[in-house]
Amino acid sequence: MSLHPSLKIDTAGAQQRSVLTRIERMKELMKKGLLKEDGRAIGLPKTKIVKIKARKTVKAAPAADGAAAPAPGAKAAGKAAPKK
């Protein structure tokens, strides 16, 4: 039996959650050393969620060994096609 398209989870459009589950908070606190394995699960301190934004990559500058090559498909400056 197949899954209806409206019930599928789209990972591309998923947003980052602003709330962690208790287990996720406990794991995060254990990584930071703020909670021991035998620690209480009730009354946990708040954890900050760091949102990571993707940066746009900056294109490298053209080579500095001479004149810049024209872009492919671009017409040469000063040359016009003759009209018939």
N, C-alpha and C. Protein backbone atom coordinates (compact mmCIF):
# COMPACT_ATOMS: atom_id res chain seq x y z
N MET A 1 0.84 -1.17 0.00
CA MET A 1 0.00 0.00 0.00
C MET A 1 0.90 1.24 0.00
N SER A 2 0.54 2.21 -0.81
CA SER A 2 1.38 3.40 -0.94
C SER A 2 0.90 4.50 0.01
N LEU A 3 1.76 5.49 0.19
CA LEU A 3 1.48 6.61 1.07
C LEU A 3 0.92 7.76 0.24
N HIS A 4 -0.15 8.38 0.73
CA HIS A 4 -0.77 9.49 0.02
C HIS A 4 0.22 10.66 -0.05
N PRO A 5 0.30 11.36 -1.20
CA PRO A 5 1.28 12.45 -1.36
C PRO A 5 1.16 13.57 -0.32
N SER A 6 -0.03 13.81 0.19
CA SER A 6 -0.21 14.89 1.17
C SER A 6 0.36 14.51 2.54
N LEU A 7 0.62 13.23 2.76
CA LEU A 7 1.15 12.78 4.05
C LEU A 7 2.66 12.63 4.06
N LYS A 8 3.29 12.79 2.91
CA LYS A 8 4.75 12.66 2.84
C LYS A 8 5.41 13.88 3.46
N ILE A 9 6.55 13.66 4.06
CA ILE A 9 7.31 14.74 4.69
C ILE A 9 8.32 15.26 3.68
N ASP A 10 8.26 16.55 3.42
CA ASP A 10 9.18 17.19 2.48
C ASP A 10 10.32 17.79 3.27
N THR A 11 11.51 17.22 3.13
CA THR A 11 12.65 17.71 3.91
C THR A 11 13.18 19.04 3.37
N ALA A 12 12.94 19.35 2.10
CA ALA A 12 13.44 20.59 1.53
C ALA A 12 12.71 21.80 2.13
N GLY A 13 11.44 21.65 2.42
CA GLY A 13 10.66 22.76 2.94
C GLY A 13 10.55 22.75 4.45
N ALA A 14 11.25 21.85 5.10
CA ALA A 14 11.16 21.74 6.55
C ALA A 14 11.86 22.91 7.22
N GLN A 15 11.25 23.44 8.24
CA GLN A 15 11.85 24.53 8.99
C GLN A 15 12.48 23.98 10.25
N GLN A 16 13.42 24.72 10.79
CA GLN A 16 14.05 24.29 12.02
C GLN A 16 13.09 24.52 13.18
N ARG A 17 12.99 23.53 14.04
CA ARG A 17 12.09 23.63 15.17
C ARG A 17 12.66 24.56 16.22
N SER A 18 11.79 25.25 16.93
CA SER A 18 12.26 26.15 17.98
C SER A 18 12.14 25.51 19.36
N VAL A 19 11.56 24.31 19.43
CA VAL A 19 11.39 23.64 20.71
C VAL A 19 11.99 22.25 20.61
N LEU A 20 12.80 21.88 21.61
CA LEU A 20 13.39 20.54 21.66
C LEU A 20 12.57 19.65 22.57
N THR A 21 12.60 18.36 22.30
CA THR A 21 11.96 17.42 23.22
C THR A 21 12.85 17.27 24.45
N ARG A 22 12.32 16.65 25.49
CA ARG A 22 13.08 16.49 26.73
C ARG A 22 14.35 15.68 26.49
N ILE A 23 14.23 14.62 25.69
CA ILE A 23 15.39 13.77 25.40
C ILE A 23 16.45 14.57 24.65
N GLU A 24 16.04 15.38 23.67
CA GLU A 24 17.00 16.20 22.92
C GLU A 24 17.69 17.21 23.83
N ARG A 25 16.93 17.80 24.75
CA ARG A 25 17.53 18.76 25.70
C ARG A 25 18.52 18.07 26.61
N MET A 26 18.19 16.87 27.06
CA MET A 26 19.09 16.13 27.93
C MET A 26 20.39 15.77 27.20
N LYS A 27 20.28 15.34 25.96
CA LYS A 27 21.47 15.00 25.17
C LYS A 27 22.35 16.24 24.98
N GLU A 28 21.71 17.37 24.69
CA GLU A 28 22.45 18.62 24.48
C GLU A 28 23.17 19.04 25.77
N LEU A 29 22.50 18.91 26.91
CA LEU A 29 23.12 19.28 28.18
C LEU A 29 24.25 18.33 28.56
N MET A 30 24.11 17.05 28.19
CA MET A 30 25.18 16.09 28.47
C MET A 30 26.41 16.39 27.63
N LYS A 31 26.20 16.84 26.38
CA LYS A 31 27.34 17.20 25.52
C LYS A 31 28.11 18.38 26.13
N LYS A 32 27.37 19.32 26.70
CA LYS A 32 28.00 20.50 27.29
C LYS A 32 28.53 20.24 28.70
N GLY A 33 28.20 19.09 29.27
CA GLY A 33 28.67 18.76 30.60
C GLY A 33 27.86 19.38 31.72
N LEU A 34 26.65 19.83 31.43
CA LEU A 34 25.81 20.46 32.44
C LEU A 34 24.86 19.48 33.11
N LEU A 35 24.81 18.25 32.60
CA LEU A 35 23.92 17.24 33.16
C LEU A 35 24.63 15.90 33.18
N LYS A 36 24.52 15.20 34.29
CA LYS A 36 25.13 13.88 34.39
C LYS A 36 24.11 12.84 33.94
N GLU A 37 24.59 11.63 33.68
CA GLU A 37 23.70 10.58 33.20
C GLU A 37 22.65 10.20 34.23
N ASP A 38 22.95 10.34 35.50
CA ASP A 38 21.98 10.00 36.53
C ASP A 38 21.20 11.23 37.00
N GLY A 39 21.25 12.32 36.22
CA GLY A 39 20.57 13.56 36.58
C GLY A 39 19.07 13.46 36.42
N ARG A 40 18.36 14.40 37.03
CA ARG A 40 16.90 14.41 36.96
C ARG A 40 16.44 14.89 35.60
N ALA A 41 15.30 14.36 35.13
CA ALA A 41 14.72 14.75 33.85
C ALA A 41 13.70 15.86 34.03
N ILE A 42 13.40 16.22 35.26
CA ILE A 42 12.42 17.26 35.53
C ILE A 42 13.16 18.51 35.98
N GLY A 43 12.72 19.66 35.50
CA GLY A 43 13.34 20.91 35.89
C GLY A 43 14.64 21.18 35.15
N LEU A 44 14.73 20.77 33.89
CA LEU A 44 15.94 20.99 33.10
C LEU A 44 16.10 22.47 32.77
N PRO A 45 17.32 22.96 32.71
CA PRO A 45 17.52 24.35 32.29
C PRO A 45 17.20 24.52 30.81
N LYS A 46 16.94 25.76 30.44
CA LYS A 46 16.64 26.05 29.04
C LYS A 46 17.90 25.88 28.20
N THR A 47 17.71 25.49 26.94
CA THR A 47 18.83 25.37 26.01
C THR A 47 18.58 26.28 24.83
N LYS A 48 19.60 26.95 24.39
CA LYS A 48 19.49 27.85 23.25
C LYS A 48 19.66 27.06 21.97
N ILE A 49 18.79 27.29 21.02
CA ILE A 49 18.87 26.62 19.72
C ILE A 49 19.57 27.58 18.77
N VAL A 50 20.66 27.12 18.19
CA VAL A 50 21.43 27.94 17.27
C VAL A 50 20.92 27.67 15.86
N LYS A 51 20.45 28.73 15.21
CA LYS A 51 19.98 28.61 13.84
C LYS A 51 21.13 28.96 12.91
N ILE A 52 21.39 28.09 11.96
CA ILE A 52 22.49 28.29 11.02
C ILE A 52 21.91 28.76 9.70
N LYS A 53 22.42 29.89 9.21
CA LYS A 53 22.00 30.40 7.92
C LYS A 53 23.06 30.05 6.89
N ALA A 54 22.61 29.64 5.73
CA ALA A 54 23.53 29.30 4.65
C ALA A 54 24.03 30.59 4.00
N ARG A 55 25.32 30.68 3.81
CA ARG A 55 25.89 31.86 3.15
C ARG A 55 25.97 31.62 1.66
N LYS A 56 25.84 32.70 0.93
CA LYS A 56 26.03 32.61 -0.51
C LYS A 56 27.53 32.62 -0.79
N THR A 57 27.97 31.77 -1.69
CA THR A 57 29.39 31.71 -2.00
C THR A 57 29.77 32.87 -2.92
N VAL A 58 30.91 33.44 -2.66
CA VAL A 58 31.42 34.55 -3.47
C VAL A 58 32.28 33.96 -4.57
N LYS A 59 32.01 34.37 -5.80
CA LYS A 59 32.79 33.85 -6.93
C LYS A 59 34.21 34.43 -6.88
N ALA A 60 35.16 33.62 -7.28
CA ALA A 60 36.55 34.04 -7.26
C ALA A 60 36.80 35.09 -8.34
N ALA A 61 37.74 35.99 -8.07
CA ALA A 61 38.09 37.03 -9.03
C ALA A 61 38.78 36.40 -10.24
N PRO A 62 38.65 37.01 -11.43
CA PRO A 62 39.32 36.44 -12.61
C PRO A 62 40.83 36.50 -12.45
N ALA A 63 41.51 35.69 -13.22
CA ALA A 63 42.96 35.61 -13.14
C ALA A 63 43.59 36.96 -13.47
N ALA A 64 44.68 37.29 -12.78
CA ALA A 64 45.33 38.59 -12.95
C ALA A 64 46.51 38.51 -13.92
N ASP A 65 46.56 37.53 -14.82
CA ASP A 65 47.70 37.36 -15.71
C ASP A 65 47.47 37.99 -17.09
N GLY A 66 46.60 38.97 -17.20
CA GLY A 66 46.41 39.63 -18.48
C GLY A 66 44.99 40.14 -18.61
N ALA A 67 44.59 40.34 -19.84
CA ALA A 67 43.25 40.85 -20.10
C ALA A 67 42.22 39.77 -19.79
N ALA A 68 41.10 40.22 -19.34
CA ALA A 68 40.03 39.27 -19.01
C ALA A 68 39.41 38.75 -20.29
N ALA A 69 39.11 37.49 -20.31
CA ALA A 69 38.50 36.87 -21.48
C ALA A 69 37.02 37.25 -21.52
N PRO A 70 36.48 37.51 -22.72
CA PRO A 70 35.06 37.85 -22.81
C PRO A 70 34.19 36.63 -22.48
N ALA A 71 33.01 36.91 -22.01
CA ALA A 71 32.09 35.83 -21.67
C ALA A 71 31.67 35.09 -22.93
N PRO A 72 31.48 33.79 -22.87
CA PRO A 72 31.07 33.06 -24.06
C PRO A 72 29.69 33.52 -24.53
N GLY A 73 29.55 33.68 -25.81
CA GLY A 73 28.29 34.12 -26.38
C GLY A 73 28.14 35.63 -26.42
N ALA A 74 29.06 36.38 -25.84
CA ALA A 74 28.98 37.83 -25.85
C ALA A 74 29.58 38.37 -27.15
N LYS A 75 28.99 39.43 -27.67
CA LYS A 75 29.50 40.04 -28.89
C LYS A 75 30.72 40.88 -28.58
N ALA A 76 31.65 40.91 -29.50
CA ALA A 76 32.86 41.71 -29.31
C ALA A 76 32.51 43.18 -29.38
N ALA A 77 33.17 44.01 -28.59
CA ALA A 77 32.89 45.44 -28.54
C ALA A 77 33.40 46.09 -29.82
N GLY A 78 32.57 46.98 -30.39
CA GLY A 78 32.98 47.74 -31.56
C GLY A 78 32.70 47.02 -32.89
N LYS A 79 32.28 45.81 -32.89
CA LYS A 79 31.99 45.09 -34.12
C LYS A 79 30.48 44.89 -34.22
N ALA A 80 29.93 45.40 -35.25
CA ALA A 80 28.50 45.23 -35.47
C ALA A 80 28.28 44.37 -36.71
N ALA A 81 27.25 43.61 -36.72
CA ALA A 81 26.97 42.76 -37.86
C ALA A 81 26.43 43.63 -38.99
N PRO A 82 26.93 43.44 -40.25
CA PRO A 82 26.45 44.25 -41.37
C PRO A 82 25.00 43.91 -41.71
N LYS A 83 24.23 44.96 -42.05
CA LYS A 83 22.83 44.75 -42.43
C LYS A 83 22.76 44.51 -43.92
N LYS A 84 21.86 43.66 -44.34
CA LYS A 84 21.69 43.36 -45.77
C LYS A 84 20.42 43.95 -46.29
